[in-house]
Amino acid sequence: MTIAIQLAYLLASILFIMGIKLLGKTKDARKGNMLSAIGMLVAIVATLITLDILSFVEIFSCMLIGGAIGLYYAKKVEMTQIPEMVALFNGFGGLASLGVALSDHFLKTAVLAVEIDPVNSISIIASVLIGGVTFTGSMVAWLKLNGKVSGQPITFKGQHVLNLALLISFLVISVFTFLYQSDPMYITILVVVALLVGILIVVPIGGADMPVVISLLNSYSGMAACATGFILNNNVLIVAGSLVGASGLILTQIMCKAMNRSLTNVLLGGFGQTVASGAQDGPSIVIKEIGVEETAMLFDSVSSVIVVPGYGMAVAQAQHVIRELMEQCEKRGIDFKFAIHPVAGRMPGHMNVLLAEANISYDKLIEMEAINDEFPNTDLVLIVGANDVVNPAARTNPQSPIYGMPILNADKAKTVIVSKRSMGKGYAGVENELFGYPNCLMLFGDAKQTITKVVSEMKEM
């Protein structure tokens, strides 16, 4: 039986690896998700077989309750709220690891009164730290994303010194926890310190860095699961946690590269605090507005279009009407593509998910590196709800907080139309120089409503 269980765990691990591999390509992502789900099912069934039959009632009761909650939120949550949900998933993953570590510690020290072996004790301490940081850090990220807490960096004097002091105190108390396992005071202090560190690490990070934070916290949740695997001596949990942790770190590095930032710079926080010095001293921007009819006429007269989606498209739920716009353009023989910036939206892959939901073909979604050279030869660029990722200040203004960040070269197209509700700034709080460019036209209003009117006008032409 033991060999069969280990073989099942091996099969599950292979399915996880294949699933993550397929998730790297948009067209295969659904298949990768399915393979990973099958792998998880295999792992769960194999684990249940090893348990006492009396445990099944509690296990299935918890599965039913958790499944019901998950199903409710899956139906209730809007696509615009997916980043917040991902933050919650990460947080509860960390909380689960923290809970397992504490229950294992108290089971062995208080109930069974046995000494915890060194490897298990270190795993418990690691799980407490990573799980606690992941939980409270994710909760702060969730509060920032849904607007309950300001998306601006929250900093105070001596913040980094306090963080360092807390980490040092955690290490010191960890030694006492290791040496005096039966004393619950030390493990309790460890939990409190870990929870505080999670809060203090994320509060100084600005809203513009949320894609990086989300992927990093996802990595933390994987590492917490890996540590839990060592606690439970469960090989598949170790493998799954390692895969999530490693892939999350790789994704975090990709996000940092896309923003021309180092991970250290992101974690130190404060992004966007220098906006006032670099974004408001220059001359006021003079914009040119365009109406629905003129926009439809422009679309009817061009031969190539690139759409740059952003978080505003998600808020307006405009992805379906943009698909209708694409269909109208393609009927006219117009080349139609989408330019995807790695950090557009509030989490990695946010725009890809929204456009896929609207049944837009994967081959229409072009990454920044592949499409940037096409903008100078493009007749018309439509920017829907994107701001910082098309701001030329990243190239031209050394005083701007986003200076050096790779952007989509939308400003180099022959004509640019920006669909926006107002002249509000992006999540980084930086004024967009593009709006004042001579080739830029502003189409004000709700993106879904205005583009619907544009499509209606095109249908009548």
Protein backbone atom coordinates (compact mmCIF):
# COMPACT_ATOMS: atom_id res chain seq x y z
CA MET A 1 0.00 0.00 0.00
CA THR A 2 2.83 2.41 0.87
CA ILE A 3 4.42 1.93 -2.56
CA ALA A 4 1.06 2.53 -4.26
CA ILE A 5 0.57 5.76 -2.30
CA GLN A 6 4.04 7.02 -3.22
CA LEU A 7 3.44 6.15 -6.88
CA ALA A 8 0.17 8.10 -6.73
CA TYR A 9 2.06 11.05 -5.26
CA LEU A 10 4.62 10.75 -8.06
CA LEU A 11 1.85 10.77 -10.67
CA ALA A 12 0.28 13.82 -9.01
CA SER A 13 3.64 15.61 -9.02
CA ILE A 14 4.14 14.87 -12.73
CA LEU A 15 0.66 16.22 -13.48
CA PHE A 16 1.45 19.38 -11.49
CA ILE A 17 4.65 19.95 -13.45
CA MET A 18 2.91 19.34 -16.80
CA GLY A 19 0.07 21.65 -15.75
CA ILE A 20 2.39 24.52 -14.85
CA LYS A 21 4.27 24.01 -18.11
CA LEU A 22 1.05 24.33 -20.11
CA LEU A 23 0.00 27.39 -18.12
CA GLY A 24 2.95 29.20 -19.73
CA LYS A 25 1.01 29.47 -23.01
CA THR A 26 -2.39 31.12 -23.18
CA LYS A 27 -3.89 28.65 -25.65
CA ASP A 28 -2.92 25.67 -23.48
CA ALA A 29 -3.71 27.26 -20.11
CA ARG A 30 -7.12 25.64 -19.72
CA LYS A 31 -5.65 22.19 -20.40
CA GLY A 32 -2.85 22.90 -17.90
CA ASN A 33 -5.37 23.92 -15.28
CA MET A 34 -7.29 20.69 -15.85
CA LEU A 35 -4.17 18.53 -15.55
CA SER A 36 -3.22 20.27 -12.31
CA ALA A 37 -6.74 19.73 -10.96
CA ILE A 38 -6.55 16.03 -11.81
CA GLY A 39 -3.16 15.86 -10.09
CA MET A 40 -4.66 17.43 -6.97
CA LEU A 41 -7.54 14.95 -7.04
CA VAL A 42 -5.06 12.05 -7.24
CA ALA A 43 -3.08 13.50 -4.32
CA ILE A 44 -6.20 13.99 -2.18
CA VAL A 45 -7.53 10.47 -2.83
CA ALA A 46 -4.12 8.94 -2.08
CA THR A 47 -3.91 10.89 1.17
CA LEU A 48 -7.46 9.92 2.23
CA ILE A 49 -6.61 6.25 1.76
CA THR A 50 -3.89 6.54 4.39
CA LEU A 51 -6.23 8.01 7.01
CA ASP A 52 -8.35 6.36 9.66
CA ILE A 53 -11.88 5.85 8.35
CA LEU A 54 -13.21 7.74 11.41
CA SER A 55 -11.57 10.90 10.11
CA PHE A 56 -13.69 10.93 6.96
CA VAL A 57 -16.72 12.59 8.58
CA GLU A 58 -14.72 15.62 9.70
CA ILE A 59 -12.81 15.79 6.42
CA PHE A 60 -15.84 15.63 4.13
CA SER A 61 -17.77 18.04 6.35
CA CYS A 62 -14.99 20.59 5.96
CA MET A 63 -14.79 19.89 2.21
CA LEU A 64 -18.52 20.50 1.82
CA ILE A 65 -18.43 23.73 3.82
CA GLY A 66 -15.35 25.00 1.98
CA GLY A 67 -16.75 23.92 -1.39
CA ALA A 68 -20.04 25.70 -0.72
CA ILE A 69 -18.24 28.91 0.23
CA GLY A 70 -16.02 28.63 -2.85
CA LEU A 71 -18.98 28.01 -5.16
CA TYR A 72 -20.86 30.99 -3.70
CA TYR A 73 -17.97 33.39 -4.26
CA ALA A 74 -17.17 31.93 -7.69
CA LYS A 75 -20.65 32.93 -8.82
CA LYS A 76 -20.79 36.23 -6.91
CA VAL A 77 -17.37 37.75 -7.61
CA GLU A 78 -17.04 39.96 -10.70
CA MET A 79 -14.07 39.65 -13.04
CA THR A 80 -12.82 43.02 -11.77
CA GLN A 81 -12.60 41.53 -8.28
CA ILE A 82 -10.41 38.57 -9.27
CA PRO A 83 -7.18 40.26 -8.03
CA GLU A 84 -8.73 40.68 -4.59
CA MET A 85 -9.83 37.05 -4.64
CA VAL A 86 -6.33 35.91 -5.58
CA ALA A 87 -4.98 37.90 -2.63
CA LEU A 88 -7.51 36.16 -0.37
CA PHE A 89 -6.56 32.74 -1.76
CA ASN A 90 -2.91 33.44 -1.04
CA GLY A 91 -3.76 34.67 2.45
CA PHE A 92 -5.85 31.66 3.42
CA GLY A 93 -3.19 29.36 2.00
CA GLY A 94 -0.73 30.96 4.40
CA LEU A 95 -3.24 30.75 7.25
CA ALA A 96 -3.77 27.04 6.58
CA SER A 97 -0.02 26.41 6.77
CA LEU A 98 0.18 28.43 9.98
CA GLY A 99 -2.71 26.43 11.44
CA VAL A 100 -1.13 23.08 10.57
CA ALA A 101 2.19 24.15 12.12
CA LEU A 102 0.52 25.23 15.37
CA SER A 103 -1.70 22.15 15.61
CA ASP A 104 1.27 19.84 15.03
CA HIS A 105 3.35 21.70 17.63
CA PHE A 106 0.67 21.63 20.33
CA LEU A 107 -0.32 18.03 19.52
CA LYS A 108 3.20 16.80 20.14
CA THR A 109 4.13 19.07 23.06
CA ALA A 110 0.85 19.42 24.96
CA VAL A 111 -1.17 16.31 24.09
CA LEU A 112 1.35 13.56 23.31
CA ALA A 113 4.12 15.12 25.43
CA VAL A 114 6.85 13.99 23.04
CA GLU A 115 9.93 15.82 21.86
CA ILE A 116 9.77 17.22 18.35
CA ASP A 117 12.68 16.17 16.16
CA PRO A 118 14.98 18.98 14.89
CA VAL A 119 13.86 18.86 11.23
CA ASN A 120 10.20 18.96 12.22
CA SER A 121 10.81 21.78 14.69
CA ILE A 122 12.61 23.92 12.09
CA SER A 123 9.80 23.20 9.60
CA ILE A 124 7.22 24.38 12.13
CA ILE A 125 9.13 27.62 12.75
CA ALA A 126 9.50 28.21 8.97
CA SER A 127 5.81 27.52 8.40
CA VAL A 128 4.82 29.94 11.17
CA LEU A 129 6.98 32.71 9.68
CA ILE A 130 6.04 32.25 6.02
CA GLY A 131 2.40 31.40 6.73
CA GLY A 132 1.92 34.36 9.09
CA VAL A 133 3.60 36.83 6.73
CA THR A 134 1.59 35.49 3.79
CA PHE A 135 -1.72 35.74 5.65
CA THR A 136 -1.50 39.30 6.98
CA GLY A 137 0.41 40.54 3.93
CA SER A 138 -2.31 39.18 1.65
CA MET A 139 -5.02 40.71 3.81
CA VAL A 140 -3.37 44.13 3.50
CA ALA A 141 -3.05 43.61 -0.28
CA TRP A 142 -6.74 42.68 -0.40
CA LEU A 143 -7.71 45.82 1.52
CA LYS A 144 -5.60 47.98 -0.81
CA LEU A 145 -7.03 46.39 -3.94
CA ASN A 146 -10.68 46.77 -2.96
CA GLY A 147 -10.20 50.34 -1.77
CA LYS A 148 -10.85 49.78 1.94
CA VAL A 149 -7.29 51.01 2.56
CA SER A 150 -5.51 53.67 0.51
CA GLY A 151 -3.55 52.28 -2.42
CA GLN A 152 -0.84 54.84 -1.74
CA PRO A 153 2.30 53.75 0.15
CA ILE A 154 1.88 53.99 3.93
CA THR A 155 5.24 54.81 5.47
CA PHE A 156 6.58 56.20 8.74
CA LYS A 157 9.95 57.10 10.16
CA GLY A 158 12.00 54.14 11.28
CA GLN A 159 9.84 51.63 9.41
CA HIS A 160 12.70 49.61 7.96
CA VAL A 161 14.51 49.59 11.31
CA LEU A 162 11.36 48.23 12.95
CA ASN A 163 11.02 45.51 10.30
CA LEU A 164 14.65 44.50 10.82
CA ALA A 165 14.19 44.47 14.60
CA LEU A 166 11.13 42.22 14.26
CA LEU A 167 12.96 39.78 12.00
CA ILE A 168 15.91 39.61 14.39
CA SER A 169 13.56 39.08 17.33
CA PHE A 170 11.86 36.28 15.37
CA LEU A 171 15.19 34.54 14.86
CA VAL A 172 16.10 34.89 18.55
CA ILE A 173 12.72 33.62 19.75
CA SER A 174 12.94 30.78 17.23
CA VAL A 175 16.00 29.52 19.08
CA PHE A 176 14.07 29.53 22.37
CA THR A 177 11.14 27.79 20.66
CA PHE A 178 13.52 25.14 19.40
CA LEU A 179 15.14 24.64 22.81
CA TYR A 180 12.03 24.95 25.01
CA GLN A 181 9.35 23.24 22.93
CA SER A 182 6.91 22.64 25.75
CA ASP A 183 6.60 26.34 26.63
CA PRO A 184 3.68 27.75 24.56
CA MET A 185 4.79 31.35 25.17
CA TYR A 186 7.59 31.25 22.60
CA ILE A 187 5.56 29.79 19.74
CA THR A 188 2.79 32.32 20.51
CA ILE A 189 5.25 35.22 20.30
CA LEU A 190 6.53 33.82 17.00
CA VAL A 191 3.01 33.91 15.57
CA VAL A 192 2.43 37.51 16.68
CA VAL A 193 5.76 38.68 15.25
CA ALA A 194 5.14 36.89 11.92
CA LEU A 195 1.70 38.50 11.60
CA LEU A 196 3.15 41.95 12.33
CA VAL A 197 5.95 41.49 9.80
CA GLY A 198 3.39 40.60 7.11
CA ILE A 199 1.48 43.83 7.73
CA LEU A 200 4.58 46.03 7.87
CA ILE A 201 6.08 44.55 4.70
CA VAL A 202 3.03 45.25 2.52
CA VAL A 203 1.66 48.58 3.84
CA PRO A 204 4.53 50.67 2.37
CA ILE A 205 4.03 49.16 -1.09
CA GLY A 206 2.02 51.37 -3.45
CA GLY A 207 -0.91 50.25 -5.56
CA ALA A 208 1.13 50.35 -8.77
CA ASP A 209 3.26 47.50 -7.43
CA MET A 210 0.29 45.24 -6.64
CA PRO A 211 0.94 42.83 -9.56
CA VAL A 212 4.40 42.18 -8.08
CA VAL A 213 3.01 41.83 -4.56
CA ILE A 214 0.32 39.37 -5.68
CA SER A 215 2.83 37.11 -7.45
CA LEU A 216 5.28 37.34 -4.52
CA LEU A 217 2.61 36.45 -1.96
CA ASN A 218 1.59 33.56 -4.20
CA SER A 219 5.19 32.37 -4.00
CA TYR A 220 5.14 32.74 -0.21
CA SER A 221 1.99 30.62 0.01
CA GLY A 222 3.77 27.90 -1.97
CA MET A 223 6.81 28.00 0.31
CA ALA A 224 4.51 27.83 3.33
CA ALA A 225 2.84 24.74 1.85
CA CYS A 226 6.28 23.22 1.23
CA ALA A 227 7.24 23.75 4.88
CA THR A 228 3.93 22.16 5.89
CA GLY A 229 4.83 19.16 3.75
CA PHE A 230 7.94 18.63 5.85
CA ILE A 231 5.86 18.91 9.03
CA LEU A 232 3.40 16.26 7.83
CA ASN A 233 6.07 14.22 6.05
CA ASN A 234 3.98 14.45 2.88
CA ASN A 235 6.04 14.27 -0.31
CA VAL A 236 3.40 15.55 -2.71
CA LEU A 237 2.79 18.63 -0.55
CA ILE A 238 6.53 19.35 -0.57
CA VAL A 239 6.65 19.05 -4.37
CA ALA A 240 3.48 21.10 -4.95
CA GLY A 241 4.61 23.82 -2.55
CA SER A 242 8.05 23.96 -4.17
CA LEU A 243 6.49 24.30 -7.63
CA VAL A 244 4.20 27.13 -6.54
CA GLY A 245 7.01 28.85 -4.65
CA ALA A 246 9.48 28.63 -7.53
CA SER A 247 7.01 29.61 -10.26
CA GLY A 248 5.80 32.52 -8.11
CA LEU A 249 9.35 33.80 -7.69
CA ILE A 250 9.99 33.51 -11.43
CA LEU A 251 6.76 35.41 -12.17
CA THR A 252 7.71 38.03 -9.59
CA GLN A 253 11.05 38.53 -11.35
CA ILE A 254 9.24 38.89 -14.70
CA MET A 255 6.93 41.51 -13.18
CA CYS A 256 9.87 43.44 -11.72
CA LYS A 257 11.66 43.37 -15.07
CA ALA A 258 8.52 44.67 -16.78
CA MET A 259 8.53 47.64 -14.38
CA ASN A 260 12.32 48.12 -14.47
CA ARG A 261 12.38 47.67 -10.70
CA SER A 262 14.31 45.39 -8.40
CA LEU A 263 12.46 43.19 -5.92
CA THR A 264 14.32 44.95 -3.11
CA ASN A 265 13.07 48.29 -4.40
CA VAL A 266 9.50 47.03 -4.44
CA LEU A 267 9.68 45.57 -0.93
CA LEU A 268 11.19 48.77 0.47
CA GLY A 269 8.04 50.46 -0.80
CA GLY A 270 7.27 54.10 -1.33
CA PHE A 271 6.49 53.86 -5.06
CA GLY A 272 4.63 56.95 -6.18
CA GLN A 273 5.65 59.18 -3.30
CA THR A 274 7.72 61.45 -5.54
CA VAL A 275 4.89 62.07 -7.96
CA ALA A 276 4.39 65.67 -6.99
CA SER A 277 7.96 66.64 -7.80
CA GLY A 278 7.95 65.14 -11.25
CA ALA A 279 4.37 65.16 -12.48
CA GLN A 280 2.98 68.58 -11.64
CA ASP A 281 5.78 71.07 -12.34
CA GLY A 282 5.54 70.96 -16.13
CA PRO A 283 3.12 72.87 -18.38
CA SER A 284 -0.56 71.96 -18.24
CA ILE A 285 -1.71 69.39 -20.78
CA VAL A 286 -3.94 70.55 -23.64
CA ILE A 287 -6.14 67.72 -24.84
CA LYS A 288 -8.23 67.14 -27.95
CA GLU A 289 -11.58 65.42 -27.58
CA ILE A 290 -13.28 63.18 -30.14
CA GLY A 291 -16.91 62.09 -30.38
CA VAL A 292 -18.49 58.72 -31.11
CA GLU A 293 -19.30 59.44 -34.76
CA GLU A 294 -15.78 60.70 -35.54
CA THR A 295 -14.32 57.66 -33.81
CA ALA A 296 -16.44 55.31 -35.93
CA MET A 297 -15.33 57.14 -39.08
CA LEU A 298 -11.68 56.75 -38.05
CA PHE A 299 -12.08 53.02 -37.50
CA ASP A 300 -13.80 52.70 -40.86
CA SER A 301 -10.92 54.40 -42.68
CA VAL A 302 -7.84 52.65 -41.23
CA SER A 303 -6.09 49.43 -42.24
CA SER A 304 -4.54 48.45 -38.88
CA VAL A 305 -5.69 48.72 -35.24
CA ILE A 306 -4.04 47.84 -31.94
CA VAL A 307 -6.08 47.84 -28.73
CA VAL A 308 -4.27 48.42 -25.43
CA PRO A 309 -6.46 47.13 -22.56
CA GLY A 310 -6.09 48.20 -18.95
CA TYR A 311 -7.86 48.00 -15.61
CA GLY A 312 -10.46 50.53 -16.81
CA MET A 313 -11.66 47.97 -19.33
CA ALA A 314 -12.21 45.51 -16.49
CA VAL A 315 -14.13 48.07 -14.45
CA ALA A 316 -16.38 48.95 -17.40
CA GLN A 317 -16.73 45.27 -18.41
CA ALA A 318 -16.02 46.41 -21.96
CA GLN A 319 -14.24 43.29 -23.22
CA HIS A 320 -17.34 41.87 -24.96
CA VAL A 321 -18.17 45.03 -26.86
CA ILE A 322 -14.49 45.32 -27.84
CA ARG A 323 -14.85 41.88 -29.40
CA GLU A 324 -17.80 43.25 -31.39
CA LEU A 325 -15.61 46.17 -32.46
CA MET A 326 -12.96 43.70 -33.58
CA GLU A 327 -15.53 41.77 -35.63
CA GLN A 328 -16.69 44.95 -37.36
CA CYS A 329 -13.10 45.88 -38.19
CA GLU A 330 -12.22 42.43 -39.48
CA LYS A 331 -15.28 42.50 -41.77
CA ARG A 332 -13.63 45.54 -43.36
CA GLY A 333 -10.32 43.73 -43.74
CA ILE A 334 -8.67 45.73 -40.94
CA ASP A 335 -5.75 44.07 -39.13
CA PHE A 336 -6.79 43.96 -35.45
CA LYS A 337 -4.53 43.05 -32.50
CA PHE A 338 -4.24 43.50 -28.74
CA ALA A 339 -1.08 44.72 -27.02
CA ILE A 340 -0.66 43.18 -23.55
CA HIS A 341 1.64 44.77 -20.98
CA PRO A 342 2.87 42.34 -18.28
CA VAL A 343 1.62 44.53 -15.43
CA ALA A 344 -1.59 45.84 -16.98
CA GLY A 345 -4.45 45.47 -14.50
CA ARG A 346 -4.10 44.46 -10.88
CA MET A 347 -2.47 41.05 -11.22
CA PRO A 348 -0.36 39.08 -13.72
CA GLY A 349 -2.41 37.91 -16.70
CA HIS A 350 -5.44 40.03 -15.75
CA MET A 351 -6.05 41.31 -19.29
CA ASN A 352 -5.52 37.88 -20.86
CA VAL A 353 -8.22 36.41 -18.62
CA LEU A 354 -10.73 39.16 -19.42
CA LEU A 355 -10.19 38.97 -23.17
CA ALA A 356 -10.31 35.17 -23.15
CA GLU A 357 -13.65 35.43 -21.32
CA ALA A 358 -14.92 37.45 -24.31
CA ASN A 359 -13.85 34.60 -26.66
CA ILE A 360 -11.10 36.64 -28.29
CA SER A 361 -8.62 34.36 -30.03
CA TYR A 362 -5.36 33.83 -28.16
CA ASP A 363 -3.27 34.64 -31.22
CA LYS A 364 -4.67 38.17 -31.14
CA LEU A 365 -3.04 38.82 -27.74
CA ILE A 366 0.52 39.99 -28.36
CA GLU A 367 3.05 40.57 -25.58
CA MET A 368 4.85 43.89 -25.24
CA GLU A 369 8.24 42.77 -26.58
CA ALA A 370 6.68 41.28 -29.70
CA ILE A 371 4.37 44.18 -30.60
CA ASN A 372 6.27 47.34 -29.64
CA ASP A 373 7.99 47.60 -33.03
CA GLU A 374 4.61 47.52 -34.80
CA PHE A 375 3.21 50.73 -33.28
CA PRO A 376 4.99 53.19 -35.66
CA ASN A 377 3.36 51.39 -38.62
CA THR A 378 -0.09 51.19 -37.02
CA ASP A 379 -2.85 53.53 -38.20
CA LEU A 380 -4.90 53.59 -35.02
CA VAL A 381 -4.34 52.60 -31.39
CA LEU A 382 -7.31 52.39 -29.01
CA ILE A 383 -6.35 52.58 -25.34
CA VAL A 384 -9.13 51.32 -23.08
CA GLY A 385 -8.57 52.02 -19.41
CA ALA A 386 -4.76 51.74 -19.52
CA ASN A 387 -2.66 54.58 -18.15
CA ASP A 388 0.78 54.03 -16.62
CA VAL A 389 1.75 51.30 -19.12
CA VAL A 390 1.45 53.76 -22.06
CA ASN A 391 2.81 56.88 -20.34
CA PRO A 392 5.75 58.33 -22.33
CA ALA A 393 7.04 59.88 -19.09
CA ALA A 394 8.63 56.47 -18.47
CA ARG A 395 10.96 57.30 -21.37
CA THR A 396 11.19 61.10 -21.29
CA ASN A 397 10.94 62.35 -17.69
CA PRO A 398 13.79 61.33 -15.33
CA GLN A 399 11.87 62.92 -12.43
CA SER A 400 8.88 60.64 -12.90
CA PRO A 401 8.46 57.71 -10.46
CA ILE A 402 7.85 55.41 -13.45
CA TYR A 403 10.94 56.55 -15.37
CA GLY A 404 12.74 53.58 -16.87
CA MET A 405 9.70 51.28 -16.78
CA PRO A 406 9.25 49.51 -20.15
CA ILE A 407 6.00 50.72 -21.73
CA LEU A 408 3.93 50.01 -24.80
CA ASN A 409 4.94 52.43 -27.57
CA ALA A 410 1.35 53.46 -28.26
CA ASP A 411 2.36 57.13 -28.61
CA LYS A 412 4.31 56.28 -31.78
CA ALA A 413 1.21 55.23 -33.72
CA LYS A 414 -0.27 57.55 -36.35
CA THR A 415 -3.41 58.16 -34.27
CA VAL A 416 -4.21 57.29 -30.67
CA ILE A 417 -7.69 57.27 -29.12
CA VAL A 418 -7.89 57.03 -25.34
CA SER A 419 -11.17 55.78 -23.88
CA LYS A 420 -11.44 57.13 -20.33
CA ARG A 421 -14.09 58.23 -17.90
CA SER A 422 -12.11 61.33 -16.94
CA MET A 423 -8.62 62.82 -16.84
CA GLY A 424 -7.84 60.89 -13.65
CA LYS A 425 -4.34 59.53 -13.09
CA GLY A 426 -3.37 55.88 -13.12
CA TYR A 427 -2.79 53.68 -10.08
CA ALA A 428 0.77 55.01 -9.76
CA GLY A 429 -0.64 58.54 -9.37
CA VAL A 430 1.34 59.86 -12.34
CA GLU A 431 -0.09 62.28 -14.93
CA ASN A 432 -0.02 60.79 -18.43
CA GLU A 433 1.93 62.92 -20.92
CA LEU A 434 0.39 61.02 -23.83
CA PHE A 435 -2.95 62.80 -23.38
CA GLY A 436 -1.39 66.06 -24.59
CA TYR A 437 0.35 64.60 -27.64
CA PRO A 438 -0.79 65.97 -31.05
CA ASN A 439 -1.74 62.49 -32.30
CA CYS A 440 -3.84 61.69 -29.20
CA LEU A 441 -7.63 62.07 -29.04
CA MET A 442 -9.71 61.61 -25.89
CA LEU A 443 -12.97 59.65 -26.03
CA PHE A 444 -14.59 60.41 -22.68
CA GLY A 445 -17.26 58.28 -21.03
CA ASP A 446 -17.87 54.75 -19.82
CA ALA A 447 -15.85 52.48 -22.12
CA LYS A 448 -18.63 49.94 -22.57
CA GLN A 449 -21.21 52.56 -23.45
CA THR A 450 -19.05 54.66 -25.77
CA ILE A 451 -17.59 51.69 -27.66
CA THR A 452 -21.10 50.23 -28.00
CA LYS A 453 -22.13 53.46 -29.70
CA VAL A 454 -19.05 53.31 -31.94
CA VAL A 455 -19.97 49.77 -33.00
CA SER A 456 -23.55 50.86 -33.71
CA GLU A 457 -22.29 53.70 -35.89
CA MET A 458 -20.01 51.31 -37.80
CA LYS A 459 -22.88 48.89 -38.42
CA GLU A 460 -24.87 51.71 -40.08
CA MET A 461 -22.02 52.68 -42.41
